Each structure stands twice: as structure tokens, then as C-alpha cells.
Amino acid sequence: MPQETEQNFLKLLRSPEQANVAVALEIAQGSSDFQSHLTPYAILCDWAFGKAPTADQITKLNQEKLSLEDYELTYIPPEIGVLNHLIELDLNINLLTTLPPEIGQLTQLKKLILSNNGLQNLPAEIRHFTALEELNLGGNQLKKLPQEIRYLKKLHWLNLFANRLKTLPKEIGELESLGLISFGNNRIRKLPKSFGQLKALTYLSDEGSQLVKLPDEICQLQNLGVLHLISPRGRLKKLPREIGNLQKLKALLLKGQPIKPKEKERLVGCLPNCEIEFE
């Protein structure tokens, strides 16, 4: 098959326009030359929709945004890599426990929602998500994050709420665009010193915090506006000495933390423009 013919066929098959996809399917009828290109779509349509591939189903897969929220999906097929045009992928509320390495082929992703699944780990191939801006991993079973998270240089929002994390990797400090992070309801007792490198961070939430102390380096977060450390069984007795350096801090939530009166007085004094919630 001439290369130009194959390229034209693929252009039709991968089009976001249903009429173009319909033409591709018509061309493919009775010809074995195009089956290798149709097979991945057949697998994806069966996985996502439980149906044989039709122009309508393939067109849905060809859009920049794909939502398969609450589809009771138990796995992601390797053929997901065919959808390398995706900008947003929503797999919230499914039954996923692993991600295939091929998910790293979705290099144009800006938003990836994997919340409320059963994920136990992330593949090293997340290093290819260099365009990713939003990553929602809340409500999974993650015990650790891979070092490769360091490559997500455009990541702005990271949700790790309600997992099984005991630590965060020091590489998290290399997320130079990170503005918002939530890692509450985990088992994290201390933060890496590299947190001080997150110069773009404006919002830090550790609801249900088990932190026993904050690193002094957190006082380097000059853009931090909200520090949320509410916990029913808090362990923080004091905050770093230089906490007053956080001049943009507007909300400091410490409800449930065993802060003593003298420390409360110090915090109020060094953060006069910040609303502090102790009780």
C-alpha cells in the first residue's frame, strides 16, 4: 500500500469529524490493508463502550476531551496510546488498579483525572506528561510517587487526597509551576525540605494532617496564600520560627492542632494580615 494512501486513510480514521471517520470505515471494508489500523479502535471501543467500532464511537475517541467517568472500567488497554491527540482524559470513579506504560504516549495531555479508583502505583512513563497541568489522583491506594514526577514541569494542580502515602519524594520540589497541592488524609508525618523550592505554590492543603513538624524551608514559599492543616488528631505543636516571612499568607487553618497559647500569640503577632483558625 502506498504510503500516501495509508496517511490519507489515517487522517480520515483519526478525524474528530464523524463524516470523515465514516468514509474511512467504508474504505476499509473488504480490504485487509487497513485492519492493523482498525484493530486498536476495535479494542478501545469494546473497552470503553462495550460495542463494535462504529463511526460514532470512533469519533468520540477522536475528540480532544474524553470522559469515561463511572464506566466501571477495571483496566486500561495498551491501545490507549493511539489516542495521543487527547488534551483531557477523565477516568474518575472506576475500578482501575494499574496504568499501562502506554499511557505515557498521551504526551499532549493537559488534564488527567484518575480519582476514586484503586491505583496502587504510577508507571515511570508519567515522565512523558510534560504538558500536563492538572493531575487528580485523589481517592486511590498509592503508597508512593515515582521519582519521574519531577518531569511534570507544567503541572499546576496536584491532588493526592486520601491515598496511603507515607512520604512525598524530594523530586516534588522540581515542580516549578505547581500552584496548588492537596495531600490530606494520608500518612505523611514530614515534608521534604525541597518543598521550599515550590516558588509558585499558593495553596497547600493537608486536611486530616499527621504532620509532626513543618520544614523550615516552607518559609521560603513567598507566594503561599493558604496553608490548610486542620486535623482531628493533630500533632503540630509549633510552626517554624520564620513563618512570618510568608507575607502573602491570608489563611492559616490549624484547627485540631495542639498549639499552645504562647505559640498562638507568636503566630498572631508575626502574621498580622493572616486569618488564623485555631479552634
C-alpha atoms as a PDB file:
ATOM      1  CA  MET A   1       0.000   0.000   0.000  1.00  0.00           C
ATOM      2  CA  PRO A   2       1.464   3.396  -0.993  1.00  0.00           C
ATOM      3  CA  GLN A   3       2.493   5.494   1.997  1.00  0.00           C
ATOM      4  CA  GLU A   4       0.403   8.448   0.830  1.00  0.00           C
ATOM      5  CA  THR A   5      -2.712   6.247   0.670  1.00  0.00           C
ATOM      6  CA  GLU A   6      -2.071   5.000   4.198  1.00  0.00           C
ATOM      7  CA  GLN A   7      -1.553   8.529   5.535  1.00  0.00           C
ATOM      8  CA  ASN A   8      -4.764   9.772   3.935  1.00  0.00           C
ATOM      9  CA  PHE A   9      -6.656   6.847   5.420  1.00  0.00           C
ATOM     10  CA  LEU A  10      -5.267   7.515   8.898  1.00  0.00           C
ATOM     11  CA  LYS A  11      -6.166  11.182   8.593  1.00  0.00           C
ATOM     12  CA  LEU A  12      -9.775  10.203   7.944  1.00  0.00           C
ATOM     13  CA  LEU A  13      -9.872   7.487  10.601  1.00  0.00           C
ATOM     14  CA  ARG A  14      -8.457   9.721  13.342  1.00  0.00           C
ATOM     15  CA  SER A  15     -10.576  12.727  12.435  1.00  0.00           C
ATOM     16  CA  PRO A  16     -12.847  14.314  15.077  1.00  0.00           C
ATOM     17  CA  GLU A  17     -15.481  14.616  12.341  1.00  0.00           C
ATOM     18  CA  GLN A  18     -17.877  11.669  12.126  1.00  0.00           C
ATOM     19  CA  ALA A  19     -18.327  12.028   8.354  1.00  0.00           C
ATOM     20  CA  ASN A  20     -14.587  11.557   7.813  1.00  0.00           C
ATOM     21  CA  VAL A  21     -14.476   8.503  10.071  1.00  0.00           C
ATOM     22  CA  ALA A  22     -17.432   7.018   8.183  1.00  0.00           C
ATOM     23  CA  VAL A  23     -15.522   7.395   4.912  1.00  0.00           C
ATOM     24  CA  ALA A  24     -12.508   5.645   6.450  1.00  0.00           C
ATOM     25  CA  LEU A  25     -14.643   2.713   7.584  1.00  0.00           C
ATOM     26  CA  GLU A  26     -16.182   2.455   4.137  1.00  0.00           C
ATOM     27  CA  ILE A  27     -12.740   2.405   2.509  1.00  0.00           C
ATOM     28  CA  ALA A  28     -11.614  -0.320   4.901  1.00  0.00           C
ATOM     29  CA  GLN A  29     -14.499  -2.647   4.107  1.00  0.00           C
ATOM     30  CA  GLY A  30     -13.316  -5.701   2.250  1.00  0.00           C
ATOM     31  CA  SER A  31      -9.658  -4.677   2.435  1.00  0.00           C
ATOM     32  CA  SER A  32      -7.138  -6.273   4.768  1.00  0.00           C
ATOM     33  CA  ASP A  33      -4.636  -3.478   4.186  1.00  0.00           C
ATOM     34  CA  PHE A  34      -6.228  -1.232   6.811  1.00  0.00           C
ATOM     35  CA  GLN A  35      -7.053  -3.786   9.504  1.00  0.00           C
ATOM     36  CA  SER A  36      -3.930  -3.076  11.533  1.00  0.00           C
ATOM     37  CA  HIS A  37      -5.158   0.497  11.974  1.00  0.00           C
ATOM     38  CA  LEU A  38      -8.720  -0.534  12.813  1.00  0.00           C
ATOM     39  CA  THR A  39      -7.766  -3.138  15.415  1.00  0.00           C
ATOM     40  CA  PRO A  40      -6.735  -0.659  18.151  1.00  0.00           C
ATOM     41  CA  TYR A  41     -10.015   1.182  17.719  1.00  0.00           C
ATOM     42  CA  ALA A  42     -11.943  -2.071  17.903  1.00  0.00           C
ATOM     43  CA  ILE A  43     -10.242  -2.859  21.209  1.00  0.00           C
ATOM     44  CA  LEU A  44     -10.816   0.644  22.584  1.00  0.00           C
ATOM     45  CA  CYS A  45     -14.481   0.714  21.558  1.00  0.00           C
ATOM     46  CA  ASP A  46     -15.086  -2.635  23.213  1.00  0.00           C
ATOM     47  CA  TRP A  47     -13.273  -1.445  26.354  1.00  0.00           C
ATOM     48  CA  ALA A  48     -14.939   1.944  26.637  1.00  0.00           C
ATOM     49  CA  PHE A  49     -18.389   1.348  25.183  1.00  0.00           C
ATOM     50  CA  GLY A  50     -18.823  -2.422  25.045  1.00  0.00           C
ATOM     51  CA  LYS A  51     -19.572  -2.141  21.335  1.00  0.00           C
ATOM     52  CA  ALA A  52     -18.012  -2.895  17.981  1.00  0.00           C
ATOM     53  CA  PRO A  53     -16.376   0.141  16.380  1.00  0.00           C
ATOM     54  CA  THR A  54     -18.761   2.458  14.568  1.00  0.00           C
ATOM     55  CA  ALA A  55     -18.178   5.897  13.126  1.00  0.00           C
ATOM     56  CA  ASP A  56     -19.961   7.406  16.116  1.00  0.00           C
ATOM     57  CA  GLN A  57     -17.899   5.539  18.721  1.00  0.00           C
ATOM     58  CA  ILE A  58     -14.579   6.184  16.999  1.00  0.00           C
ATOM     59  CA  THR A  59     -15.442   9.862  16.659  1.00  0.00           C
ATOM     60  CA  LYS A  60     -15.965  10.074  20.416  1.00  0.00           C
ATOM     61  CA  LEU A  61     -12.492   8.649  20.932  1.00  0.00           C
ATOM     62  CA  ASN A  62     -11.045  11.148  18.469  1.00  0.00           C
ATOM     63  CA  GLN A  63     -12.131  14.228  20.408  1.00  0.00           C
ATOM     64  CA  GLU A  64      -9.603  16.228  22.426  1.00  0.00           C
ATOM     65  CA  LYS A  65     -11.595  15.572  25.593  1.00  0.00           C
ATOM     66  CA  LEU A  66     -12.654  12.068  26.608  1.00  0.00           C
ATOM     67  CA  SER A  67     -14.737  11.365  29.706  1.00  0.00           C
ATOM     68  CA  LEU A  68     -15.271   7.789  30.871  1.00  0.00           C
ATOM     69  CA  GLU A  69     -16.342   8.692  34.389  1.00  0.00           C
ATOM     70  CA  ASP A  70     -18.090   5.906  36.316  1.00  0.00           C
ATOM     71  CA  TYR A  71     -17.886   3.342  33.498  1.00  0.00           C
ATOM     72  CA  GLU A  72     -16.842   0.515  35.863  1.00  0.00           C
ATOM     73  CA  LEU A  73     -13.590   0.109  33.959  1.00  0.00           C
ATOM     74  CA  THR A  74     -11.223  -2.430  35.506  1.00  0.00           C
ATOM     75  CA  TYR A  75      -8.219  -1.818  33.246  1.00  0.00           C
ATOM     76  CA  ILE A  76      -6.812   0.400  30.513  1.00  0.00           C
ATOM     77  CA  PRO A  77      -5.708  -1.410  27.343  1.00  0.00           C
ATOM     78  CA  PRO A  78      -2.259  -0.683  25.873  1.00  0.00           C
ATOM     79  CA  GLU A  79      -4.046   0.622  22.772  1.00  0.00           C
ATOM     80  CA  ILE A  80      -4.817   3.794  24.750  1.00  0.00           C
ATOM     81  CA  GLY A  81      -1.587   5.108  23.219  1.00  0.00           C
ATOM     82  CA  VAL A  82      -3.388   5.513  19.892  1.00  0.00           C
ATOM     83  CA  LEU A  83      -5.286   8.452  21.403  1.00  0.00           C
ATOM     84  CA  ASN A  84      -2.186  10.630  21.503  1.00  0.00           C
ATOM     85  CA  HIS A  85      -4.264  13.653  20.487  1.00  0.00           C
ATOM     86  CA  LEU A  86      -6.031  13.795  23.872  1.00  0.00           C
ATOM     87  CA  ILE A  87      -5.862  17.026  25.856  1.00  0.00           C
ATOM     88  CA  GLU A  88      -8.141  15.883  28.694  1.00  0.00           C
ATOM     89  CA  LEU A  89      -8.869  12.374  29.977  1.00  0.00           C
ATOM     90  CA  ASP A  90     -11.370  11.764  32.774  1.00  0.00           C
ATOM     91  CA  LEU A  91     -11.383   8.296  34.344  1.00  0.00           C
ATOM     92  CA  ASN A  92     -12.894   9.299  37.693  1.00  0.00           C
ATOM     93  CA  ILE A  93     -14.867   6.664  39.635  1.00  0.00           C
ATOM     94  CA  ASN A  94     -13.754   3.427  38.036  1.00  0.00           C
ATOM     95  CA  LEU A  95     -12.079   0.232  39.225  1.00  0.00           C
ATOM     96  CA  LEU A  96      -8.556   0.757  37.946  1.00  0.00           C
ATOM     97  CA  THR A  97      -5.639  -0.674  39.926  1.00  0.00           C
ATOM     98  CA  THR A  98      -2.810  -0.117  37.438  1.00  0.00           C
ATOM     99  CA  LEU A  99      -1.928   2.043  34.447  1.00  0.00           C
ATOM    100  CA  PRO A 100      -0.268   0.606  31.343  1.00  0.00           C
ATOM    101  CA  PRO A 101       3.109   2.039  30.313  1.00  0.00           C
ATOM    102  CA  GLU A 102       1.476   3.082  27.033  1.00  0.00           C
ATOM    103  CA  ILE A 103      -0.429   5.830  28.833  1.00  0.00           C
ATOM    104  CA  GLY A 104       2.832   7.748  28.613  1.00  0.00           C
ATOM    105  CA  GLN A 105       2.203   8.105  24.878  1.00  0.00           C
ATOM    106  CA  LEU A 106      -0.519  10.673  25.643  1.00  0.00           C
ATOM    107  CA  THR A 107       2.045  13.436  25.564  1.00  0.00           C
ATOM    108  CA  GLN A 108      -0.424  16.244  24.804  1.00  0.00           C
ATOM    109  CA  LEU A 109      -2.471  15.718  27.958  1.00  0.00           C
ATOM    110  CA  LYS A 110      -3.069  18.846  29.999  1.00  0.00           C
ATOM    111  CA  LYS A 111      -5.650  17.384  32.378  1.00  0.00           C
ATOM    112  CA  LEU A 112      -5.728  13.827  33.717  1.00  0.00           C
ATOM    113  CA  ILE A 113      -8.368  12.729  36.229  1.00  0.00           C
ATOM    114  CA  LEU A 114      -7.769   9.341  37.865  1.00  0.00           C
ATOM    115  CA  SER A 115      -9.524   9.980  41.172  1.00  0.00           C
ATOM    116  CA  ASN A 116     -11.642   7.406  43.009  1.00  0.00           C
ATOM    117  CA  ASN A 117     -10.035   4.269  41.637  1.00  0.00           C
ATOM    118  CA  GLY A 118      -7.778   1.691  43.272  1.00  0.00           C
ATOM    119  CA  LEU A 119      -4.423   2.686  41.822  1.00  0.00           C
ATOM    120  CA  GLN A 120      -1.500   1.321  43.812  1.00  0.00           C
ATOM    121  CA  ASN A 121       1.342   2.863  41.809  1.00  0.00           C
ATOM    122  CA  LEU A 122       2.141   5.049  38.833  1.00  0.00           C
ATOM    123  CA  PRO A 123       4.325   3.928  35.924  1.00  0.00           C
ATOM    124  CA  ALA A 124       7.647   5.614  35.272  1.00  0.00           C
ATOM    125  CA  GLU A 125       6.225   6.638  31.889  1.00  0.00           C
ATOM    126  CA  ILE A 126       4.463   9.579  33.525  1.00  0.00           C
ATOM    127  CA  ARG A 127       7.740  11.331  32.798  1.00  0.00           C
ATOM    128  CA  HIS A 128       6.351  11.960  29.312  1.00  0.00           C
ATOM    129  CA  PHE A 129       3.472  14.104  30.643  1.00  0.00           C
ATOM    130  CA  THR A 130       5.475  17.253  30.067  1.00  0.00           C
ATOM    131  CA  ALA A 131       2.384  19.256  29.021  1.00  0.00           C
ATOM    132  CA  LEU A 132       0.264  18.156  31.996  1.00  0.00           C
ATOM    133  CA  GLU A 133      -1.205  20.986  34.070  1.00  0.00           C
ATOM    134  CA  GLU A 134      -3.714  19.149  36.277  1.00  0.00           C
ATOM    135  CA  LEU A 135      -3.346  15.701  37.850  1.00  0.00           C
ATOM    136  CA  ASN A 136      -6.085  14.343  40.097  1.00  0.00           C
ATOM    137  CA  LEU A 137      -5.109  11.177  41.976  1.00  0.00           C
ATOM    138  CA  GLY A 138      -7.400  11.591  44.979  1.00  0.00           C
ATOM    139  CA  GLY A 139      -9.093   8.542  46.463  1.00  0.00           C
ATOM    140  CA  ASN A 140      -6.678   5.812  45.388  1.00  0.00           C
ATOM    141  CA  GLN A 141      -4.314   3.379  47.134  1.00  0.00           C
ATOM    142  CA  LEU A 142      -0.990   4.975  46.253  1.00  0.00           C
ATOM    143  CA  LYS A 143       1.828   4.210  48.683  1.00  0.00           C
ATOM    144  CA  LYS A 144       4.453   6.322  46.940  1.00  0.00           C
ATOM    145  CA  LEU A 145       5.032   8.581  43.977  1.00  0.00           C
ATOM    146  CA  PRO A 146       7.688   7.778  41.395  1.00  0.00           C
ATOM    147  CA  GLN A 147      10.746   9.992  41.089  1.00  0.00           C
ATOM    148  CA  GLU A 148       9.701  10.635  37.487  1.00  0.00           C
ATOM    149  CA  ILE A 149       7.111  13.111  38.750  1.00  0.00           C
ATOM    150  CA  ARG A 150       9.951  15.626  38.553  1.00  0.00           C
ATOM    151  CA  TYR A 151       9.435  15.896  34.776  1.00  0.00           C
ATOM    152  CA  LEU A 152       5.928  17.390  35.069  1.00  0.00           C
ATOM    153  CA  LYS A 153       7.291  20.902  34.781  1.00  0.00           C
ATOM    154  CA  LYS A 154       3.982  22.489  33.759  1.00  0.00           C
ATOM    155  CA  LEU A 155       1.913  20.841  36.492  1.00  0.00           C
ATOM    156  CA  HIS A 156      -0.137  23.489  38.297  1.00  0.00           C
ATOM    157  CA  TRP A 157      -2.571  21.431  40.392  1.00  0.00           C
ATOM    158  CA  LEU A 158      -1.836  18.108  42.109  1.00  0.00           C
ATOM    159  CA  ASN A 159      -4.458  16.256  44.140  1.00  0.00           C
ATOM    160  CA  LEU A 160      -3.192  13.367  46.287  1.00  0.00           C
ATOM    161  CA  PHE A 161      -6.004  13.447  48.858  1.00  0.00           C
ATOM    162  CA  ALA A 162      -6.964  10.159  50.509  1.00  0.00           C
ATOM    163  CA  ASN A 163      -4.253   7.731  49.482  1.00  0.00           C
ATOM    164  CA  ARG A 164      -1.798   5.673  51.542  1.00  0.00           C
ATOM    165  CA  LEU A 165       1.266   7.860  51.165  1.00  0.00           C
ATOM    166  CA  LYS A 166       3.779   7.952  53.994  1.00  0.00           C
ATOM    167  CA  THR A 167       6.204  10.306  52.287  1.00  0.00           C
ATOM    168  CA  LEU A 168       6.487  12.600  49.309  1.00  0.00           C
ATOM    169  CA  PRO A 169       9.594  12.293  47.108  1.00  0.00           C
ATOM    170  CA  LYS A 170      12.158  15.067  47.250  1.00  0.00           C
ATOM    171  CA  GLU A 171      11.729  15.372  43.477  1.00  0.00           C
ATOM    172  CA  ILE A 172       8.378  17.067  44.099  1.00  0.00           C
ATOM    173  CA  GLY A 173      10.376  20.230  44.708  1.00  0.00           C
ATOM    174  CA  GLU A 174      11.213  20.311  40.997  1.00  0.00           C
ATOM    175  CA  LEU A 175       7.602  21.032  40.010  1.00  0.00           C
ATOM    176  CA  GLU A 176       8.361  24.639  39.229  1.00  0.00           C
ATOM    177  CA  SER A 177       4.822  25.511  38.079  1.00  0.00           C
ATOM    178  CA  LEU A 178       2.967  23.866  40.979  1.00  0.00           C
ATOM    179  CA  GLY A 179       0.433  26.288  42.407  1.00  0.00           C
ATOM    180  CA  LEU A 180      -1.950  24.040  44.339  1.00  0.00           C
ATOM    181  CA  ILE A 181      -1.330  20.763  46.169  1.00  0.00           C
ATOM    182  CA  SER A 182      -3.609  18.663  48.360  1.00  0.00           C
ATOM    183  CA  PHE A 183      -2.288  15.597  50.164  1.00  0.00           C
ATOM    184  CA  GLY A 184      -4.583  15.288  53.179  1.00  0.00           C
ATOM    185  CA  ASN A 185      -5.879  12.004  54.584  1.00  0.00           C
ATOM    186  CA  ASN A 186      -2.594  10.198  54.005  1.00  0.00           C
ATOM    187  CA  ARG A 187       0.064   9.045  56.480  1.00  0.00           C
ATOM    188  CA  ILE A 188       2.618  11.753  55.862  1.00  0.00           C
ATOM    189  CA  ARG A 189       4.457  12.865  59.014  1.00  0.00           C
ATOM    190  CA  LYS A 190       7.019  15.178  57.462  1.00  0.00           C
ATOM    191  CA  LEU A 191       7.620  17.005  54.224  1.00  0.00           C
ATOM    192  CA  PRO A 192      10.843  17.008  52.207  1.00  0.00           C
ATOM    193  CA  LYS A 193      12.984  20.104  52.514  1.00  0.00           C
ATOM    194  CA  SER A 194      12.629  20.507  48.754  1.00  0.00           C
ATOM    195  CA  PHE A 195       9.117  21.906  49.376  1.00  0.00           C
ATOM    196  CA  GLY A 196      10.873  25.223  49.806  1.00  0.00           C
ATOM    197  CA  GLN A 197      11.641  25.205  46.081  1.00  0.00           C
ATOM    198  CA  LEU A 198       7.953  25.403  45.101  1.00  0.00           C
ATOM    199  CA  LYS A 199       8.064  29.136  44.432  1.00  0.00           C
ATOM    200  CA  ALA A 200       4.751  29.166  42.517  1.00  0.00           C
ATOM    201  CA  LEU A 201       2.805  27.462  45.321  1.00  0.00           C
ATOM    202  CA  THR A 202      -0.213  29.461  46.530  1.00  0.00           C
ATOM    203  CA  TYR A 203      -2.331  26.741  48.170  1.00  0.00           C
ATOM    204  CA  LEU A 204      -1.234  23.844  50.391  1.00  0.00           C
ATOM    205  CA  SER A 205      -3.839  21.579  51.978  1.00  0.00           C
ATOM    206  CA  ASP A 206      -3.186  18.688  54.365  1.00  0.00           C
ATOM    207  CA  GLU A 207      -6.650  18.086  55.793  1.00  0.00           C
ATOM    208  CA  GLY A 208      -6.530  15.369  58.427  1.00  0.00           C
ATOM    209  CA  SER A 209      -2.839  16.174  58.810  1.00  0.00           C
ATOM    210  CA  GLN A 210      -0.482  13.778  60.564  1.00  0.00           C
ATOM    211  CA  LEU A 211       2.492  16.110  60.240  1.00  0.00           C
ATOM    212  CA  VAL A 212       4.632  16.315  63.355  1.00  0.00           C
ATOM    213  CA  LYS A 213       6.501  19.387  62.097  1.00  0.00           C
ATOM    214  CA  LEU A 214       6.910  21.622  59.090  1.00  0.00           C
ATOM    215  CA  PRO A 215      10.332  22.022  57.483  1.00  0.00           C
ATOM    216  CA  ASP A 216      11.913  25.434  57.930  1.00  0.00           C
ATOM    217  CA  GLU A 217      12.145  25.615  54.148  1.00  0.00           C
ATOM    218  CA  ILE A 218       8.383  26.099  53.906  1.00  0.00           C
ATOM    219  CA  CYS A 219       9.015  29.682  54.999  1.00  0.00           C
ATOM    220  CA  GLN A 220      10.577  30.281  51.576  1.00  0.00           C
ATOM    221  CA  LEU A 221       7.184  29.974  49.834  1.00  0.00           C
ATOM    222  CA  GLN A 222       6.715  33.673  49.210  1.00  0.00           C
ATOM    223  CA  ASN A 223       3.519  33.215  47.178  1.00  0.00           C
ATOM    224  CA  LEU A 224       1.731  30.906  49.607  1.00  0.00           C
ATOM    225  CA  GLY A 225      -1.732  32.270  50.374  1.00  0.00           C
ATOM    226  CA  VAL A 226      -3.479  29.334  52.087  1.00  0.00           C
ATOM    227  CA  LEU A 227      -1.969  26.803  54.489  1.00  0.00           C
ATOM    228  CA  HIS A 228      -4.597  24.244  55.487  1.00  0.00           C
ATOM    229  CA  LEU A 229      -3.519  21.924  58.327  1.00  0.00           C
ATOM    230  CA  ILE A 230      -6.810  21.075  60.030  1.00  0.00           C
ATOM    231  CA  SER A 231      -6.799  17.680  61.744  1.00  0.00           C
ATOM    232  CA  PRO A 232      -8.975  15.869  64.311  1.00  0.00           C
ATOM    233  CA  ARG A 233      -5.812  14.388  65.829  1.00  0.00           C
ATOM    234  CA  GLY A 234      -3.158  16.941  65.030  1.00  0.00           C
ATOM    235  CA  ARG A 235       0.455  16.659  66.171  1.00  0.00           C
ATOM    236  CA  LEU A 236       1.838  20.074  65.318  1.00  0.00           C
ATOM    237  CA  LYS A 237       2.820  21.951  68.454  1.00  0.00           C
ATOM    238  CA  LYS A 238       4.553  24.827  66.738  1.00  0.00           C
ATOM    239  CA  LEU A 239       5.387  26.244  63.334  1.00  0.00           C
ATOM    240  CA  PRO A 240       8.826  27.246  62.003  1.00  0.00           C
ATOM    241  CA  ARG A 241      10.439  30.301  63.553  1.00  0.00           C
ATOM    242  CA  GLU A 242      10.492  32.225  60.259  1.00  0.00           C
ATOM    243  CA  ILE A 243       6.815  31.615  59.422  1.00  0.00           C
ATOM    244  CA  GLY A 244       6.363  35.395  59.447  1.00  0.00           C
ATOM    245  CA  ASN A 245       8.233  35.527  56.142  1.00  0.00           C
ATOM    246  CA  LEU A 246       5.063  34.316  54.429  1.00  0.00           C
ATOM    247  CA  GLN A 247       3.757  37.821  53.840  1.00  0.00           C
ATOM    248  CA  LYS A 248       1.151  36.693  51.290  1.00  0.00           C
ATOM    249  CA  LEU A 249      -0.372  34.148  53.655  1.00  0.00           C
ATOM    250  CA  LYS A 250      -4.042  35.059  54.131  1.00  0.00           C
ATOM    251  CA  ALA A 251      -5.453  31.902  55.708  1.00  0.00           C
ATOM    252  CA  LEU A 252      -3.740  29.595  58.202  1.00  0.00           C
ATOM    253  CA  LEU A 253      -6.018  26.771  59.356  1.00  0.00           C
ATOM    254  CA  LEU A 254      -4.761  24.907  62.425  1.00  0.00           C
ATOM    255  CA  LYS A 255      -7.950  23.561  63.965  1.00  0.00           C
ATOM    256  CA  GLY A 256      -7.252  20.370  65.909  1.00  0.00           C
ATOM    257  CA  GLN A 257      -3.518  21.035  66.256  1.00  0.00           C
ATOM    258  CA  PRO A 258      -2.088  21.117  69.832  1.00  0.00           C
ATOM    259  CA  ILE A 259      -0.795  24.678  69.556  1.00  0.00           C
ATOM    260  CA  LYS A 260      -0.012  26.128  72.987  1.00  0.00           C
ATOM    261  CA  PRO A 261      -1.150  29.644  73.980  1.00  0.00           C
ATOM    262  CA  LYS A 262       2.331  31.154  73.787  1.00  0.00           C
ATOM    263  CA  GLU A 263       2.803  29.808  70.246  1.00  0.00           C
ATOM    264  CA  LYS A 264      -0.635  31.070  69.242  1.00  0.00           C
ATOM    265  CA  GLU A 265       0.320  34.519  70.439  1.00  0.00           C
ATOM    266  CA  ARG A 266       3.554  34.398  68.445  1.00  0.00           C
ATOM    267  CA  LEU A 267       1.774  33.357  65.272  1.00  0.00           C
ATOM    268  CA  VAL A 268      -0.802  36.122  65.557  1.00  0.00           C
ATOM    269  CA  GLY A 269       1.987  38.630  66.102  1.00  0.00           C
ATOM    270  CA  CYS A 270       4.189  37.610  63.189  1.00  0.00           C
ATOM    271  CA  LEU A 271       1.278  37.125  60.747  1.00  0.00           C
ATOM    272  CA  PRO A 272      -0.838  40.261  61.347  1.00  0.00           C
ATOM    273  CA  ASN A 273      -2.527  40.154  57.918  1.00  0.00           C
ATOM    274  CA  CYS A 274      -3.393  36.463  58.080  1.00  0.00           C
ATOM    275  CA  GLU A 275      -6.662  34.971  59.310  1.00  0.00           C
ATOM    276  CA  ILE A 276      -5.648  32.162  61.672  1.00  0.00           C
ATOM    277  CA  GLU A 277      -8.066  29.475  62.776  1.00  0.00           C
ATOM    278  CA  PHE A 278      -7.027  27.621  65.936  1.00  0.00           C
ATOM    279  CA  GLU A 279     -10.390  26.241  67.056  1.00  0.00           C
END
